[in-house]
Amino acid sequence: MPKGYWVSVYPTIADPEALDAYNKLAGRAVKAAGGRTFARGGGRVVAHEAGIAERVVLIEFDSFEQAVAAYESAAYKEALAALPDGFDRDFRIVEGLD
């Protein structure tokens, strides 16, 4: 069964401290849903084409369905409510190849 992935790119982060509450809640929600964080950071990013060298997060789940369920969970909804106003990110849930 193909794995599922959360892929998040943060074009700009004006106030990194404002993300602390979200990060704590999201981390717990992801872990409770069986997600594994493979990449999280913006320290070493090489961007090409239209890419932006800012924070990128990659999280793996055992299946695409598990990744969708994690996003729709009450725990992750609580984390989303903690995102600062006007915050911008590019978020996708994608199915792996195998």
C-alpha atoms as a PDB file:
ATOM      1  CA  MET A   1       0.000   0.000   0.000  1.00  0.00           C
ATOM      2  CA  PRO A   2       1.473   3.403  -0.956  1.00  0.00           C
ATOM      3  CA  LYS A   3       2.496   5.701   1.855  1.00  0.00           C
ATOM      4  CA  GLY A   4       1.018   9.150   2.362  1.00  0.00           C
ATOM      5  CA  TYR A   5       2.975  12.354   2.830  1.00  0.00           C
ATOM      6  CA  TRP A   6       2.323  15.803   4.187  1.00  0.00           C
ATOM      7  CA  VAL A   7       4.435  18.370   2.355  1.00  0.00           C
ATOM      8  CA  SER A   8       4.477  21.918   3.722  1.00  0.00           C
ATOM      9  CA  VAL A   9       6.414  24.889   2.420  1.00  0.00           C
ATOM     10  CA  TYR A  10       6.403  28.180   4.262  1.00  0.00           C
ATOM     11  CA  PRO A  11       7.086  31.045   1.796  1.00  0.00           C
ATOM     12  CA  THR A  12       7.817  33.532   4.582  1.00  0.00           C
ATOM     13  CA  ILE A  13       7.919  33.401   8.343  1.00  0.00           C
ATOM     14  CA  ALA A  14       7.723  36.894   9.787  1.00  0.00           C
ATOM     15  CA  ASP A  15       7.481  35.776  13.432  1.00  0.00           C
ATOM     16  CA  PRO A  16       8.927  32.304  14.131  1.00  0.00           C
ATOM     17  CA  GLU A  17       7.975  32.462  17.824  1.00  0.00           C
ATOM     18  CA  ALA A  18       4.311  32.820  16.827  1.00  0.00           C
ATOM     19  CA  LEU A  19       4.521  29.274  15.414  1.00  0.00           C
ATOM     20  CA  ASP A  20       5.547  27.697  18.733  1.00  0.00           C
ATOM     21  CA  ALA A  21       2.009  26.844  19.896  1.00  0.00           C
ATOM     22  CA  TYR A  22       1.120  25.378  16.495  1.00  0.00           C
ATOM     23  CA  ASN A  23       4.355  23.373  16.305  1.00  0.00           C
ATOM     24  CA  LYS A  24       3.813  21.772  19.721  1.00  0.00           C
ATOM     25  CA  LEU A  25       0.186  20.849  19.016  1.00  0.00           C
ATOM     26  CA  ALA A  26       0.890  19.704  15.450  1.00  0.00           C
ATOM     27  CA  GLY A  27       3.819  17.560  16.572  1.00  0.00           C
ATOM     28  CA  ARG A  28       1.649  15.743  19.092  1.00  0.00           C
ATOM     29  CA  ALA A  29      -1.172  15.295  16.557  1.00  0.00           C
ATOM     30  CA  VAL A  30       1.185  13.896  13.917  1.00  0.00           C
ATOM     31  CA  LYS A  31       2.819  11.499  16.351  1.00  0.00           C
ATOM     32  CA  ALA A  32      -0.564  10.292  17.676  1.00  0.00           C
ATOM     33  CA  ALA A  33      -1.663   9.611  14.083  1.00  0.00           C
ATOM     34  CA  GLY A  34       1.447   7.546  13.340  1.00  0.00           C
ATOM     35  CA  GLY A  35       3.270  10.196  11.307  1.00  0.00           C
ATOM     36  CA  ARG A  36       7.053  10.407  11.092  1.00  0.00           C
ATOM     37  CA  THR A  37       8.774  13.711  10.409  1.00  0.00           C
ATOM     38  CA  PHE A  38      11.580  13.329   7.858  1.00  0.00           C
ATOM     39  CA  ALA A  39      12.479  16.968   7.305  1.00  0.00           C
ATOM     40  CA  ARG A  40      11.672  20.116   9.226  1.00  0.00           C
ATOM     41  CA  GLY A  41      13.619  23.246   8.895  1.00  0.00           C
ATOM     42  CA  GLY A  42      14.870  26.029   6.764  1.00  0.00           C
ATOM     43  CA  GLY A  43      18.533  26.059   7.662  1.00  0.00           C
ATOM     44  CA  ARG A  44      19.739  24.155   4.594  1.00  0.00           C
ATOM     45  CA  VAL A  45      17.453  24.492   1.615  1.00  0.00           C
ATOM     46  CA  VAL A  46      18.565  24.851  -1.990  1.00  0.00           C
ATOM     47  CA  ALA A  47      15.692  26.218  -4.051  1.00  0.00           C
ATOM     48  CA  HIS A  48      15.458  25.956  -7.829  1.00  0.00           C
ATOM     49  CA  GLU A  49      13.087  27.374 -10.432  1.00  0.00           C
ATOM     50  CA  ALA A  50      10.151  28.997  -8.573  1.00  0.00           C
ATOM     51  CA  GLY A  51      11.251  27.523  -5.228  1.00  0.00           C
ATOM     52  CA  ILE A  52      11.726  29.622  -2.125  1.00  0.00           C
ATOM     53  CA  ALA A  53      14.545  28.792   0.299  1.00  0.00           C
ATOM     54  CA  GLU A  54      12.437  28.814   3.442  1.00  0.00           C
ATOM     55  CA  ARG A  55      11.114  26.228   5.906  1.00  0.00           C
ATOM     56  CA  VAL A  56      10.067  22.866   4.415  1.00  0.00           C
ATOM     57  CA  VAL A  57       8.355  20.062   6.357  1.00  0.00           C
ATOM     58  CA  LEU A  58       8.000  16.456   5.121  1.00  0.00           C
ATOM     59  CA  ILE A  59       5.989  13.936   7.150  1.00  0.00           C
ATOM     60  CA  GLU A  60       5.374  10.295   6.197  1.00  0.00           C
ATOM     61  CA  PHE A  61       2.355   8.156   7.114  1.00  0.00           C
ATOM     62  CA  ASP A  62       1.851   4.445   6.460  1.00  0.00           C
ATOM     63  CA  SER A  63      -0.887   5.217   3.917  1.00  0.00           C
ATOM     64  CA  PHE A  64      -2.497   8.089   2.045  1.00  0.00           C
ATOM     65  CA  GLU A  65      -5.725   7.473   3.968  1.00  0.00           C
ATOM     66  CA  GLN A  66      -3.860   7.732   7.274  1.00  0.00           C
ATOM     67  CA  ALA A  67      -2.345  11.049   6.169  1.00  0.00           C
ATOM     68  CA  VAL A  68      -5.787  12.446   5.280  1.00  0.00           C
ATOM     69  CA  ALA A  69      -7.302  11.180   8.543  1.00  0.00           C
ATOM     70  CA  ALA A  70      -4.487  12.818  10.522  1.00  0.00           C
ATOM     71  CA  TYR A  71      -5.208  16.168   8.866  1.00  0.00           C
ATOM     72  CA  GLU A  72      -8.927  15.816   9.617  1.00  0.00           C
ATOM     73  CA  SER A  73      -8.379  14.734  13.251  1.00  0.00           C
ATOM     74  CA  ALA A  74      -9.585  16.816  16.186  1.00  0.00           C
ATOM     75  CA  ALA A  75      -6.002  17.060  17.467  1.00  0.00           C
ATOM     76  CA  TYR A  76      -4.730  18.569  14.216  1.00  0.00           C
ATOM     77  CA  LYS A  77      -7.716  20.915  13.944  1.00  0.00           C
ATOM     78  CA  GLU A  78      -6.689  22.245  17.361  1.00  0.00           C
ATOM     79  CA  ALA A  79      -3.188  22.831  16.016  1.00  0.00           C
ATOM     80  CA  LEU A  80      -4.524  24.636  12.937  1.00  0.00           C
ATOM     81  CA  ALA A  81      -6.511  26.962  15.196  1.00  0.00           C
ATOM     82  CA  ALA A  82      -3.194  27.980  16.797  1.00  0.00           C
ATOM     83  CA  LEU A  83      -1.679  29.197  13.502  1.00  0.00           C
ATOM     84  CA  PRO A  84      -1.097  32.953  13.681  1.00  0.00           C
ATOM     85  CA  ASP A  85      -3.443  35.254  11.732  1.00  0.00           C
ATOM     86  CA  GLY A  86      -2.248  36.033   8.228  1.00  0.00           C
ATOM     87  CA  PHE A  87       0.110  33.072   8.230  1.00  0.00           C
ATOM     88  CA  ASP A  88       0.915  31.685   4.783  1.00  0.00           C
ATOM     89  CA  ARG A  89       1.993  28.171   3.804  1.00  0.00           C
ATOM     90  CA  ASP A  90       1.673  25.760   0.904  1.00  0.00           C
ATOM     91  CA  PHE A  91       0.368  22.425   2.250  1.00  0.00           C
ATOM     92  CA  ARG A  92      -0.340  19.218   0.350  1.00  0.00           C
ATOM     93  CA  ILE A  93      -1.142  15.597   1.098  1.00  0.00           C
ATOM     94  CA  VAL A  94       0.310  13.314  -1.577  1.00  0.00           C
ATOM     95  CA  GLU A  95       0.300   9.597  -2.199  1.00  0.00           C
ATOM     96  CA  GLY A  96       3.633   7.827  -2.463  1.00  0.00           C
ATOM     97  CA  LEU A  97       4.591   5.604  -5.371  1.00  0.00           C
ATOM     98  CA  ASP A  98       4.641   2.368  -3.375  1.00  0.00           C
END
